[in-house]
Amino acid sequence: MSKSSSEVRSIGIDVGGTKILGVALGPTGSIVDAVRLPTPQVSDRDLGRDVGTSVANAIAQVITTLADRVGLDPKSCALGLGVPGMVAFDGTLVFAPNLHGAIGANIAKLVAKRLGRRDVAIDNDANCAAMAEHHFGVARGADHALLLTLGTGIGGAAIVNGVLLRGSNGFAGEFGHLMVDPRGPNCPCGSRGCLERFASGAGLRHLAETAFTSGALAGDVAASPETLLIAATNGDQGALAVVDRFCWWLARGIANLVACFDPSIVVLGGGVIEGHHLIMGPTASYLSGELEGGALRTPPLLVPTALGKDAGAVGAALLGERAQP
């Protein structure tokens, strides 16, 4: 059913590795409507295909569908995009480990052209999620906060002195690509032993495969992060051991970030945190032991995101609002 445009203040788009989520944001920050489409993919055999154009087409389709349903004009409404990877200030996707085929595309300009707009606000997806949590969620009012999204990889963002940290090129917050083990597994970014190889969905898969190879985990349990978390929830000792190791790696990575930023709160989001009853407690326990100063300091509050999978899209909508003249 079509909603009245008076119920909607902006549209936000979150581009993920597997899906594109669009939300229409209401006056109080509530989601009035949402549209999802699969993210266009590229295989190693056809890397020459213009995936950036395909992604822009899919984004434009989500926007026009959503705008029509809520009664907004896609040519002029407040609109923002959150995309994974390193996003330059001009809207170019400079590097994206989990969206290789779209590297080099100016997603903002491509989408604006399809909608007949002059421009579209764009930022890294984790930056958008941090904006949403800082404005509406668990980091509301915090002057110093970190956000990590644990999905296929790890996205990150920092709030410093109440302001989102962008860096000189717009690339700040790539926390998933901090090297934590120089002899660790290869990473899609081209390095190896990055934090996200141990403390993301892909990291959980790697740890499960290692446990399976050593005979500590059954093959059906190691089949996917989802089956592993289900088994751990049901008390499987091998699965619980893998999750415990995952939590240690996550805590180690967070401790490195705390040494740099000294936040009062660390917000964890992404699909892996949906099982946060298994992850938050052990990670917090390990974190207190890994921090510099340990028992002599107050550790940051470690909390799951309040907005869940919608945080990136909600933050993108806020980004669009703030870019409006």
C-alpha atoms as a PDB file:
ATOM      1  CA  MET A   1       0.000   0.000   0.000  1.00  0.00           C
ATOM      2  CA  SER A   2       1.257   3.483  -0.855  1.00  0.00           C
ATOM      3  CA  LYS A   3       2.193   5.716   2.061  1.00  0.00           C
ATOM      4  CA  SER A   4       1.693   9.479   2.190  1.00  0.00           C
ATOM      5  CA  SER A   5       4.850  11.497   1.507  1.00  0.00           C
ATOM      6  CA  SER A   6       4.101  13.455   4.702  1.00  0.00           C
ATOM      7  CA  GLU A   7       5.035  10.273   6.600  1.00  0.00           C
ATOM      8  CA  VAL A   8       8.484  10.105   4.987  1.00  0.00           C
ATOM      9  CA  ARG A   9      11.429  12.459   5.302  1.00  0.00           C
ATOM     10  CA  SER A  10      14.190  10.659   3.372  1.00  0.00           C
ATOM     11  CA  ILE A  11      15.359   7.501   1.596  1.00  0.00           C
ATOM     12  CA  GLY A  12      18.507   5.583   2.524  1.00  0.00           C
ATOM     13  CA  ILE A  13      20.197   2.782   0.595  1.00  0.00           C
ATOM     14  CA  ASP A  14      22.591   0.234   2.087  1.00  0.00           C
ATOM     15  CA  VAL A  15      24.572  -1.718  -0.524  1.00  0.00           C
ATOM     16  CA  GLY A  16      25.833  -5.013   0.849  1.00  0.00           C
ATOM     17  CA  GLY A  17      27.801  -7.848  -0.665  1.00  0.00           C
ATOM     18  CA  THR A  18      24.628  -9.866  -1.285  1.00  0.00           C
ATOM     19  CA  LYS A  19      21.695  -7.444  -1.061  1.00  0.00           C
ATOM     20  CA  ILE A  20      20.695  -3.814  -1.558  1.00  0.00           C
ATOM     21  CA  LEU A  21      18.348  -2.510   1.136  1.00  0.00           C
ATOM     22  CA  GLY A  22      16.377   0.688   0.721  1.00  0.00           C
ATOM     23  CA  VAL A  23      14.377   2.284   3.547  1.00  0.00           C
ATOM     24  CA  ALA A  24      11.994   5.218   3.721  1.00  0.00           C
ATOM     25  CA  LEU A  25      12.610   7.068   6.983  1.00  0.00           C
ATOM     26  CA  GLY A  26       9.720   8.595   8.879  1.00  0.00           C
ATOM     27  CA  PRO A  27       9.667  11.843  10.887  1.00  0.00           C
ATOM     28  CA  THR A  28      10.856  10.194  14.124  1.00  0.00           C
ATOM     29  CA  GLY A  29      13.416   7.926  12.489  1.00  0.00           C
ATOM     30  CA  SER A  30      11.081   4.966  12.112  1.00  0.00           C
ATOM     31  CA  ILE A  31      11.167   2.878   8.937  1.00  0.00           C
ATOM     32  CA  VAL A  32       7.968   3.500   6.984  1.00  0.00           C
ATOM     33  CA  ASP A  33       8.714   1.099   4.123  1.00  0.00           C
ATOM     34  CA  ALA A  34      11.585  -0.999   2.755  1.00  0.00           C
ATOM     35  CA  VAL A  35      12.655  -2.603  -0.539  1.00  0.00           C
ATOM     36  CA  ARG A  36      15.342  -5.246  -1.101  1.00  0.00           C
ATOM     37  CA  LEU A  37      17.102  -6.526  -4.232  1.00  0.00           C
ATOM     38  CA  PRO A  38      20.072  -8.881  -4.694  1.00  0.00           C
ATOM     39  CA  THR A  39      23.398  -7.125  -5.288  1.00  0.00           C
ATOM     40  CA  PRO A  40      24.682  -7.778  -8.846  1.00  0.00           C
ATOM     41  CA  GLN A  41      27.623 -10.178  -8.689  1.00  0.00           C
ATOM     42  CA  VAL A  42      30.653 -10.831 -10.854  1.00  0.00           C
ATOM     43  CA  SER A  43      32.635 -14.019 -11.294  1.00  0.00           C
ATOM     44  CA  ASP A  44      36.382 -14.366 -11.847  1.00  0.00           C
ATOM     45  CA  ARG A  45      35.648 -15.282 -15.487  1.00  0.00           C
ATOM     46  CA  ASP A  46      33.969 -12.004 -16.401  1.00  0.00           C
ATOM     47  CA  LEU A  47      35.712  -9.347 -14.332  1.00  0.00           C
ATOM     48  CA  GLY A  48      35.577  -7.084 -17.366  1.00  0.00           C
ATOM     49  CA  ARG A  49      31.812  -6.744 -17.002  1.00  0.00           C
ATOM     50  CA  ASP A  50      30.760  -3.277 -15.836  1.00  0.00           C
ATOM     51  CA  VAL A  51      29.510  -4.295 -12.409  1.00  0.00           C
ATOM     52  CA  GLY A  52      29.493  -0.673 -11.240  1.00  0.00           C
ATOM     53  CA  THR A  53      26.809   0.087 -13.818  1.00  0.00           C
ATOM     54  CA  SER A  54      24.835  -3.011 -12.820  1.00  0.00           C
ATOM     55  CA  VAL A  55      25.001  -2.010  -9.145  1.00  0.00           C
ATOM     56  CA  ALA A  56      23.934   1.557  -9.974  1.00  0.00           C
ATOM     57  CA  ASN A  57      21.012   0.226 -12.011  1.00  0.00           C
ATOM     58  CA  ALA A  58      19.880  -1.969  -9.123  1.00  0.00           C
ATOM     59  CA  ILE A  59      20.218   0.913  -6.630  1.00  0.00           C
ATOM     60  CA  ALA A  60      18.170   3.181  -8.919  1.00  0.00           C
ATOM     61  CA  GLN A  61      15.510   0.464  -9.195  1.00  0.00           C
ATOM     62  CA  VAL A  62      15.265   0.184  -5.403  1.00  0.00           C
ATOM     63  CA  ILE A  63      15.010   3.969  -5.073  1.00  0.00           C
ATOM     64  CA  THR A  64      12.341   4.444  -7.744  1.00  0.00           C
ATOM     65  CA  THR A  65      10.272   1.542  -6.430  1.00  0.00           C
ATOM     66  CA  LEU A  66      10.460   2.821  -2.869  1.00  0.00           C
ATOM     67  CA  ALA A  67       9.856   6.460  -3.838  1.00  0.00           C
ATOM     68  CA  ASP A  68       6.757   5.466  -5.805  1.00  0.00           C
ATOM     69  CA  ARG A  69       5.411   3.459  -2.871  1.00  0.00           C
ATOM     70  CA  VAL A  70       5.839   6.296  -0.367  1.00  0.00           C
ATOM     71  CA  GLY A  71       4.966   9.200  -2.669  1.00  0.00           C
ATOM     72  CA  LEU A  72       8.351  10.935  -2.972  1.00  0.00           C
ATOM     73  CA  ASP A  73      10.022  12.399  -6.054  1.00  0.00           C
ATOM     74  CA  PRO A  74      13.323  10.510  -6.574  1.00  0.00           C
ATOM     75  CA  LYS A  75      14.697  13.520  -8.451  1.00  0.00           C
ATOM     76  CA  SER A  76      14.569  15.823  -5.444  1.00  0.00           C
ATOM     77  CA  CYS A  77      13.979  13.919  -2.185  1.00  0.00           C
ATOM     78  CA  ALA A  78      16.625  13.628   0.552  1.00  0.00           C
ATOM     79  CA  LEU A  79      18.605  10.554  -0.495  1.00  0.00           C
ATOM     80  CA  GLY A  80      21.802   8.879   0.690  1.00  0.00           C
ATOM     81  CA  LEU A  81      23.818   5.788  -0.229  1.00  0.00           C
ATOM     82  CA  GLY A  82      25.994   3.599   1.983  1.00  0.00           C
ATOM     83  CA  VAL A  83      28.399   1.333   0.077  1.00  0.00           C
ATOM     84  CA  PRO A  84      31.065  -1.118   1.280  1.00  0.00           C
ATOM     85  CA  GLY A  85      34.735  -0.283   0.932  1.00  0.00           C
ATOM     86  CA  MET A  86      36.821   2.839   0.462  1.00  0.00           C
ATOM     87  CA  VAL A  87      34.617   5.653  -0.857  1.00  0.00           C
ATOM     88  CA  ALA A  88      36.301   8.849  -2.044  1.00  0.00           C
ATOM     89  CA  PHE A  89      34.701  12.192  -1.296  1.00  0.00           C
ATOM     90  CA  ASP A  90      33.626  12.482  -4.949  1.00  0.00           C
ATOM     91  CA  GLY A  91      31.644   9.214  -4.735  1.00  0.00           C
ATOM     92  CA  THR A  92      34.148   6.890  -6.428  1.00  0.00           C
ATOM     93  CA  LEU A  93      34.454   3.376  -5.019  1.00  0.00           C
ATOM     94  CA  VAL A  94      38.244   3.279  -4.811  1.00  0.00           C
ATOM     95  CA  PHE A  95      38.525  -0.202  -3.307  1.00  0.00           C
ATOM     96  CA  ALA A  96      36.038  -2.802  -2.079  1.00  0.00           C
ATOM     97  CA  PRO A  97      37.400  -6.234  -1.081  1.00  0.00           C
ATOM     98  CA  ASN A  98      33.936  -7.810  -1.163  1.00  0.00           C
ATOM     99  CA  LEU A  99      32.646  -5.945  -4.246  1.00  0.00           C
ATOM    100  CA  HIS A 100      35.667  -6.161  -6.552  1.00  0.00           C
ATOM    101  CA  GLY A 101      33.778  -5.792  -9.810  1.00  0.00           C
ATOM    102  CA  ALA A 102      32.540  -2.291  -8.960  1.00  0.00           C
ATOM    103  CA  ILE A 103      35.963  -0.850  -8.066  1.00  0.00           C
ATOM    104  CA  GLY A 104      36.591   2.432  -9.895  1.00  0.00           C
ATOM    105  CA  ALA A 105      32.947   3.228 -10.495  1.00  0.00           C
ATOM    106  CA  ASN A 106      31.558   6.556  -9.329  1.00  0.00           C
ATOM    107  CA  ILE A 107      28.423   5.049  -7.835  1.00  0.00           C
ATOM    108  CA  ALA A 108      27.018   8.429  -6.770  1.00  0.00           C
ATOM    109  CA  LYS A 109      27.224   9.929 -10.268  1.00  0.00           C
ATOM    110  CA  LEU A 110      25.883   6.783 -11.935  1.00  0.00           C
ATOM    111  CA  VAL A 111      22.845   6.694  -9.636  1.00  0.00           C
ATOM    112  CA  ALA A 112      22.244  10.448  -9.899  1.00  0.00           C
ATOM    113  CA  LYS A 113      22.246  10.211 -13.707  1.00  0.00           C
ATOM    114  CA  ARG A 114      19.664   7.416 -13.683  1.00  0.00           C
ATOM    115  CA  LEU A 115      17.380   9.387 -11.395  1.00  0.00           C
ATOM    116  CA  GLY A 116      17.795  12.721 -13.180  1.00  0.00           C
ATOM    117  CA  ARG A 117      19.387  14.279 -10.089  1.00  0.00           C
ATOM    118  CA  ARG A 118      22.312  16.656  -9.783  1.00  0.00           C
ATOM    119  CA  ASP A 119      23.966  14.597  -7.056  1.00  0.00           C
ATOM    120  CA  VAL A 120      23.506  11.888  -4.425  1.00  0.00           C
ATOM    121  CA  ALA A 121      25.090  11.814  -0.965  1.00  0.00           C
ATOM    122  CA  ILE A 122      27.324   8.770  -0.468  1.00  0.00           C
ATOM    123  CA  ASP A 123      29.581   7.298   2.221  1.00  0.00           C
ATOM    124  CA  ASN A 124      30.989   4.029   3.470  1.00  0.00           C
ATOM    125  CA  ASP A 125      28.265   1.719   4.792  1.00  0.00           C
ATOM    126  CA  ALA A 126      29.799   1.366   8.259  1.00  0.00           C
ATOM    127  CA  ASN A 127      30.089   5.158   8.534  1.00  0.00           C
ATOM    128  CA  CYS A 128      26.377   5.328   7.793  1.00  0.00           C
ATOM    129  CA  ALA A 129      25.610   2.698  10.443  1.00  0.00           C
ATOM    130  CA  ALA A 130      27.667   4.651  12.985  1.00  0.00           C
ATOM    131  CA  MET A 131      25.742   7.832  12.146  1.00  0.00           C
ATOM    132  CA  ALA A 132      22.468   6.005  12.745  1.00  0.00           C
ATOM    133  CA  GLU A 133      23.561   4.532  16.077  1.00  0.00           C
ATOM    134  CA  HIS A 134      24.951   7.900  17.185  1.00  0.00           C
ATOM    135  CA  HIS A 135      21.744   9.719  16.238  1.00  0.00           C
ATOM    136  CA  PHE A 136      19.049   7.171  17.144  1.00  0.00           C
ATOM    137  CA  GLY A 137      20.692   4.155  18.786  1.00  0.00           C
ATOM    138  CA  VAL A 138      22.918   2.920  21.595  1.00  0.00           C
ATOM    139  CA  ALA A 139      25.725   5.452  20.937  1.00  0.00           C
ATOM    140  CA  ARG A 140      23.371   8.432  21.135  1.00  0.00           C
ATOM    141  CA  GLY A 141      25.182  11.350  22.752  1.00  0.00           C
ATOM    142  CA  ALA A 142      28.557   9.566  23.001  1.00  0.00           C
ATOM    143  CA  ASP A 143      31.532  11.791  22.209  1.00  0.00           C
ATOM    144  CA  HIS A 144      33.860   8.847  21.587  1.00  0.00           C
ATOM    145  CA  ALA A 145      32.473   5.660  20.078  1.00  0.00           C
ATOM    146  CA  LEU A 146      33.493   2.857  17.723  1.00  0.00           C
ATOM    147  CA  LEU A 147      31.284   0.686  15.548  1.00  0.00           C
ATOM    148  CA  LEU A 148      32.216  -2.650  14.001  1.00  0.00           C
ATOM    149  CA  THR A 149      29.886  -4.498  11.666  1.00  0.00           C
ATOM    150  CA  LEU A 150      30.615  -8.217  11.527  1.00  0.00           C
ATOM    151  CA  GLY A 151      29.249  -9.580   8.277  1.00  0.00           C
ATOM    152  CA  THR A 152      31.108 -11.329   5.465  1.00  0.00           C
ATOM    153  CA  GLY A 153      33.967  -8.998   6.406  1.00  0.00           C
ATOM    154  CA  ILE A 154      34.326  -6.276   9.025  1.00  0.00           C
ATOM    155  CA  GLY A 155      33.244  -2.687   8.533  1.00  0.00           C
ATOM    156  CA  GLY A 156      34.252   0.002  10.995  1.00  0.00           C
ATOM    157  CA  ALA A 157      33.704   3.611  11.955  1.00  0.00           C
ATOM    158  CA  ALA A 158      34.822   5.984  14.682  1.00  0.00           C
ATOM    159  CA  ILE A 159      33.079   8.896  16.365  1.00  0.00           C
ATOM    160  CA  VAL A 160      35.706  11.293  17.760  1.00  0.00           C
ATOM    161  CA  ASN A 161      34.697  14.365  19.762  1.00  0.00           C
ATOM    162  CA  GLY A 162      31.127  13.752  18.635  1.00  0.00           C
ATOM    163  CA  VAL A 163      32.012  13.800  14.923  1.00  0.00           C
ATOM    164  CA  LEU A 164      32.359  10.944  12.444  1.00  0.00           C
ATOM    165  CA  LEU A 165      36.035  10.480  11.590  1.00  0.00           C
ATOM    166  CA  ARG A 166      36.468  10.475   7.786  1.00  0.00           C
ATOM    167  CA  GLY A 167      40.229  10.870   7.308  1.00  0.00           C
ATOM    168  CA  SER A 168      42.074  12.869   4.635  1.00  0.00           C
ATOM    169  CA  ASN A 169      40.666  10.783   1.766  1.00  0.00           C
ATOM    170  CA  GLY A 170      37.440   9.546   3.337  1.00  0.00           C
ATOM    171  CA  PHE A 171      38.922   6.094   4.025  1.00  0.00           C
ATOM    172  CA  ALA A 172      39.148   6.057   7.850  1.00  0.00           C
ATOM    173  CA  GLY A 173      37.618   3.127   9.727  1.00  0.00           C
ATOM    174  CA  GLU A 174      38.850   0.144   7.691  1.00  0.00           C
ATOM    175  CA  PHE A 175      39.313  -1.773  10.942  1.00  0.00           C
ATOM    176  CA  GLY A 176      38.775  -5.182   9.372  1.00  0.00           C
ATOM    177  CA  HIS A 177      42.073  -4.846   7.541  1.00  0.00           C
ATOM    178  CA  LEU A 178      44.300  -4.374  10.557  1.00  0.00           C
ATOM    179  CA  MET A 179      46.833  -7.212  10.325  1.00  0.00           C
ATOM    180  CA  VAL A 180      46.688  -9.370  13.454  1.00  0.00           C
ATOM    181  CA  ASP A 181      48.621 -12.409  12.189  1.00  0.00           C
ATOM    182  CA  PRO A 182      51.220 -11.974   9.405  1.00  0.00           C
ATOM    183  CA  ARG A 183      51.138 -15.754   8.831  1.00  0.00           C
ATOM    184  CA  GLY A 184      47.348 -15.883   8.752  1.00  0.00           C
ATOM    185  CA  PRO A 185      45.042 -16.669   5.817  1.00  0.00           C
ATOM    186  CA  ASN A 186      44.990 -14.558   2.671  1.00  0.00           C
ATOM    187  CA  CYS A 187      42.494 -11.687   2.650  1.00  0.00           C
ATOM    188  CA  PRO A 188      40.501 -10.342  -0.338  1.00  0.00           C
ATOM    189  CA  CYS A 189      42.192  -6.979   0.276  1.00  0.00           C
ATOM    190  CA  GLY A 190      45.487  -8.472  -0.962  1.00  0.00           C
ATOM    191  CA  SER A 191      47.128  -8.748   2.454  1.00  0.00           C
ATOM    192  CA  ARG A 192      46.971 -11.671   4.859  1.00  0.00           C
ATOM    193  CA  GLY A 193      46.098 -12.257   8.493  1.00  0.00           C
ATOM    194  CA  CYS A 194      43.666  -9.315   8.627  1.00  0.00           C
ATOM    195  CA  LEU A 195      41.295  -9.098  11.583  1.00  0.00           C
ATOM    196  CA  GLU A 196      38.305  -9.936   9.391  1.00  0.00           C
ATOM    197  CA  ARG A 197      39.884 -13.290   8.486  1.00  0.00           C
ATOM    198  CA  PHE A 198      39.310 -14.271  12.153  1.00  0.00           C
ATOM    199  CA  ALA A 199      36.473 -12.138  13.538  1.00  0.00           C
ATOM    200  CA  SER A 200      33.792 -11.900  10.814  1.00  0.00           C
ATOM    201  CA  GLY A 201      31.446 -14.349   9.131  1.00  0.00           C
ATOM    202  CA  ALA A 202      34.345 -15.377   6.881  1.00  0.00           C
ATOM    203  CA  GLY A 203      36.564 -15.570   9.961  1.00  0.00           C
ATOM    204  CA  LEU A 204      34.111 -17.828  11.741  1.00  0.00           C
ATOM    205  CA  ARG A 205      34.085 -20.060   8.654  1.00  0.00           C
ATOM    206  CA  HIS A 206      37.907 -20.165   8.654  1.00  0.00           C
ATOM    207  CA  LEU A 207      38.048 -21.102  12.338  1.00  0.00           C
ATOM    208  CA  ALA A 208      35.401 -23.785  11.810  1.00  0.00           C
ATOM    209  CA  GLU A 209      37.283 -25.259   8.839  1.00  0.00           C
ATOM    210  CA  THR A 210      40.491 -25.324  10.885  1.00  0.00           C
ATOM    211  CA  ALA A 211      38.697 -27.139  13.712  1.00  0.00           C
ATOM    212  CA  PHE A 212      37.185 -29.611  11.232  1.00  0.00           C
ATOM    213  CA  THR A 213      40.608 -30.332   9.705  1.00  0.00           C
ATOM    214  CA  SER A 214      42.013 -31.075  13.162  1.00  0.00           C
ATOM    215  CA  GLY A 215      39.084 -33.393  13.923  1.00  0.00           C
ATOM    216  CA  ALA A 216      37.639 -31.121  16.628  1.00  0.00           C
ATOM    217  CA  LEU A 217      34.431 -30.358  14.733  1.00  0.00           C
ATOM    218  CA  ALA A 218      31.969 -32.421  12.691  1.00  0.00           C
ATOM    219  CA  GLY A 219      31.589 -31.619   8.992  1.00  0.00           C
ATOM    220  CA  ASP A 220      27.911 -30.703   9.187  1.00  0.00           C
ATOM    221  CA  VAL A 221      28.620 -28.251  12.026  1.00  0.00           C
ATOM    222  CA  ALA A 222      31.503 -26.656  10.102  1.00  0.00           C
ATOM    223  CA  ALA A 223      29.401 -26.269   6.927  1.00  0.00           C
ATOM    224  CA  SER A 224      28.614 -22.574   7.522  1.00  0.00           C
ATOM    225  CA  PRO A 225      28.744 -19.875  10.213  1.00  0.00           C
ATOM    226  CA  GLU A 226      24.982 -20.328  10.627  1.00  0.00           C
ATOM    227  CA  THR A 227      25.209 -24.069  11.329  1.00  0.00           C
ATOM    228  CA  LEU A 228      28.118 -23.453  13.691  1.00  0.00           C
ATOM    229  CA  LEU A 229      26.193 -20.860  15.721  1.00  0.00           C
ATOM    230  CA  ILE A 230      23.111 -23.094  15.853  1.00  0.00           C
ATOM    231  CA  ALA A 231      25.231 -25.995  17.107  1.00  0.00           C
ATOM    232  CA  ALA A 232      26.901 -23.760  19.691  1.00  0.00           C
ATOM    233  CA  THR A 233      23.497 -22.537  20.879  1.00  0.00           C
ATOM    234  CA  ASN A 234      22.481 -26.185  21.316  1.00  0.00           C
ATOM    235  CA  GLY A 235      25.555 -26.873  23.439  1.00  0.00           C
ATOM    236  CA  ASP A 236      27.892 -28.607  20.956  1.00  0.00           C
ATOM    237  CA  GLN A 237      31.277 -28.431  22.692  1.00  0.00           C
ATOM    238  CA  GLY A 238      33.325 -28.286  19.491  1.00  0.00           C
ATOM    239  CA  ALA A 239      31.209 -25.427  18.167  1.00  0.00           C
ATOM    240  CA  LEU A 240      31.407 -23.603  21.498  1.00  0.00           C
ATOM    241  CA  ALA A 241      35.198 -23.886  21.399  1.00  0.00           C
ATOM    242  CA  VAL A 242      35.277 -22.319  17.923  1.00  0.00           C
ATOM    243  CA  VAL A 243      32.987 -19.480  19.033  1.00  0.00           C
ATOM    244  CA  ASP A 244      35.196 -18.927  22.081  1.00  0.00           C
ATOM    245  CA  ARG A 245      38.261 -18.612  19.839  1.00  0.00           C
ATOM    246  CA  PHE A 246      36.342 -16.225  17.613  1.00  0.00           C
ATOM    247  CA  CYS A 247      35.538 -14.069  20.650  1.00  0.00           C
ATOM    248  CA  TRP A 248      39.206 -13.939  21.638  1.00  0.00           C
ATOM    249  CA  TRP A 249      40.207 -12.713  18.168  1.00  0.00           C
ATOM    250  CA  LEU A 250      37.436 -10.117  18.217  1.00  0.00           C
ATOM    251  CA  ALA A 251      38.504  -8.913  21.665  1.00  0.00           C
ATOM    252  CA  ARG A 252      42.127  -8.700  20.525  1.00  0.00           C
ATOM    253  CA  GLY A 253      41.137  -6.548  17.570  1.00  0.00           C
ATOM    254  CA  ILE A 254      38.950  -4.294  19.714  1.00  0.00           C
ATOM    255  CA  ALA A 255      41.797  -3.911  22.246  1.00  0.00           C
ATOM    256  CA  ASN A 256      44.034  -2.619  19.432  1.00  0.00           C
ATOM    257  CA  LEU A 257      41.365  -0.087  18.486  1.00  0.00           C
ATOM    258  CA  VAL A 258      40.805   0.986  22.094  1.00  0.00           C
ATOM    259  CA  ALA A 259      44.547   1.691  22.354  1.00  0.00           C
ATOM    260  CA  CYS A 260      44.144   4.072  19.404  1.00  0.00           C
ATOM    261  CA  PHE A 261      40.794   5.734  20.096  1.00  0.00           C
ATOM    262  CA  ASP A 262      39.958   5.286  23.819  1.00  0.00           C
ATOM    263  CA  PRO A 263      36.171   5.101  23.199  1.00  0.00           C
ATOM    264  CA  SER A 264      33.545   5.021  25.916  1.00  0.00           C
ATOM    265  CA  ILE A 265      31.407   2.583  23.910  1.00  0.00           C
ATOM    266  CA  VAL A 266      32.012  -0.042  21.214  1.00  0.00           C
ATOM    267  CA  VAL A 267      28.951  -1.009  19.168  1.00  0.00           C
ATOM    268  CA  LEU A 268      28.892  -4.377  17.395  1.00  0.00           C
ATOM    269  CA  GLY A 269      26.552  -5.032  14.485  1.00  0.00           C
ATOM    270  CA  GLY A 270      26.223  -7.284  11.453  1.00  0.00           C
ATOM    271  CA  GLY A 271      24.790 -10.725  10.852  1.00  0.00           C
ATOM    272  CA  VAL A 272      27.202 -12.533  13.179  1.00  0.00           C
ATOM    273  CA  ILE A 273      26.002 -10.489  16.158  1.00  0.00           C
ATOM    274  CA  GLU A 274      22.477 -11.816  15.746  1.00  0.00           C
ATOM    275  CA  GLY A 275      23.777 -14.589  18.019  1.00  0.00           C
ATOM    276  CA  HIS A 276      25.109 -11.974  20.448  1.00  0.00           C
ATOM    277  CA  HIS A 277      24.102 -14.000  23.493  1.00  0.00           C
ATOM    278  CA  LEU A 278      26.995 -16.302  22.527  1.00  0.00           C
ATOM    279  CA  ILE A 279      29.441 -13.574  21.574  1.00  0.00           C
ATOM    280  CA  MET A 280      29.033 -10.404  23.630  1.00  0.00           C
ATOM    281  CA  GLY A 281      29.755 -11.857  27.086  1.00  0.00           C
ATOM    282  CA  PRO A 282      32.898 -13.845  26.216  1.00  0.00           C
ATOM    283  CA  THR A 283      34.239 -11.009  24.059  1.00  0.00           C
ATOM    284  CA  ALA A 284      33.772  -8.505  26.905  1.00  0.00           C
ATOM    285  CA  SER A 285      35.545 -10.880  29.305  1.00  0.00           C
ATOM    286  CA  TYR A 286      38.492 -11.333  26.974  1.00  0.00           C
ATOM    287  CA  LEU A 287      38.622  -7.610  26.236  1.00  0.00           C
ATOM    288  CA  SER A 288      39.187  -6.662  29.868  1.00  0.00           C
ATOM    289  CA  GLY A 289      42.262  -8.908  29.913  1.00  0.00           C
ATOM    290  CA  GLU A 290      43.625  -7.721  26.544  1.00  0.00           C
ATOM    291  CA  LEU A 291      43.413  -3.979  27.178  1.00  0.00           C
ATOM    292  CA  GLU A 292      46.488  -1.962  27.932  1.00  0.00           C
ATOM    293  CA  GLY A 293      46.239  -1.126  31.616  1.00  0.00           C
ATOM    294  CA  GLY A 294      43.837  -4.004  32.155  1.00  0.00           C
ATOM    295  CA  ALA A 295      42.323  -3.848  35.628  1.00  0.00           C
ATOM    296  CA  LEU A 296      43.621  -0.294  36.176  1.00  0.00           C
ATOM    297  CA  ARG A 297      41.248   1.268  33.667  1.00  0.00           C
ATOM    298  CA  THR A 298      37.536   1.307  32.913  1.00  0.00           C
ATOM    299  CA  PRO A 299      36.888  -0.733  29.757  1.00  0.00           C
ATOM    300  CA  PRO A 300      34.548   0.667  27.123  1.00  0.00           C
ATOM    301  CA  LEU A 301      30.956  -0.517  27.153  1.00  0.00           C
ATOM    302  CA  LEU A 302      30.515  -3.316  24.608  1.00  0.00           C
ATOM    303  CA  VAL A 303      26.972  -3.439  23.208  1.00  0.00           C
ATOM    304  CA  PRO A 304      25.070  -4.824  20.199  1.00  0.00           C
ATOM    305  CA  THR A 305      23.612  -2.347  17.727  1.00  0.00           C
ATOM    306  CA  ALA A 306      20.109  -1.106  18.484  1.00  0.00           C
ATOM    307  CA  LEU A 307      19.147  -0.787  14.815  1.00  0.00           C
ATOM    308  CA  GLY A 308      20.461  -4.157  13.633  1.00  0.00           C
ATOM    309  CA  LYS A 309      20.622  -4.800   9.883  1.00  0.00           C
ATOM    310  CA  ASP A 310      18.773  -1.532   9.195  1.00  0.00           C
ATOM    311  CA  ALA A 311      21.494   0.704  10.689  1.00  0.00           C
ATOM    312  CA  GLY A 312      23.377   1.283   7.419  1.00  0.00           C
ATOM    313  CA  ALA A 313      20.267   2.239   5.460  1.00  0.00           C
ATOM    314  CA  VAL A 314      18.947   4.469   8.257  1.00  0.00           C
ATOM    315  CA  GLY A 315      22.321   6.219   8.457  1.00  0.00           C
ATOM    316  CA  ALA A 316      22.357   6.668   4.674  1.00  0.00           C
ATOM    317  CA  ALA A 317      18.975   8.390   4.931  1.00  0.00           C
ATOM    318  CA  LEU A 318      20.405  10.721   7.599  1.00  0.00           C
ATOM    319  CA  LEU A 319      23.369  11.400   5.310  1.00  0.00           C
ATOM    320  CA  GLY A 320      20.946  12.402   2.564  1.00  0.00           C
ATOM    321  CA  GLU A 321      19.061  14.718   4.896  1.00  0.00           C
ATOM    322  CA  ARG A 322      22.230  16.460   6.004  1.00  0.00           C
ATOM    323  CA  ALA A 323      23.282  16.993   2.388  1.00  0.00           C
ATOM    324  CA  GLN A 324      20.025  18.743   1.470  1.00  0.00           C
ATOM    325  CA  PRO A 325      20.409  22.488   0.810  1.00  0.00           C
END
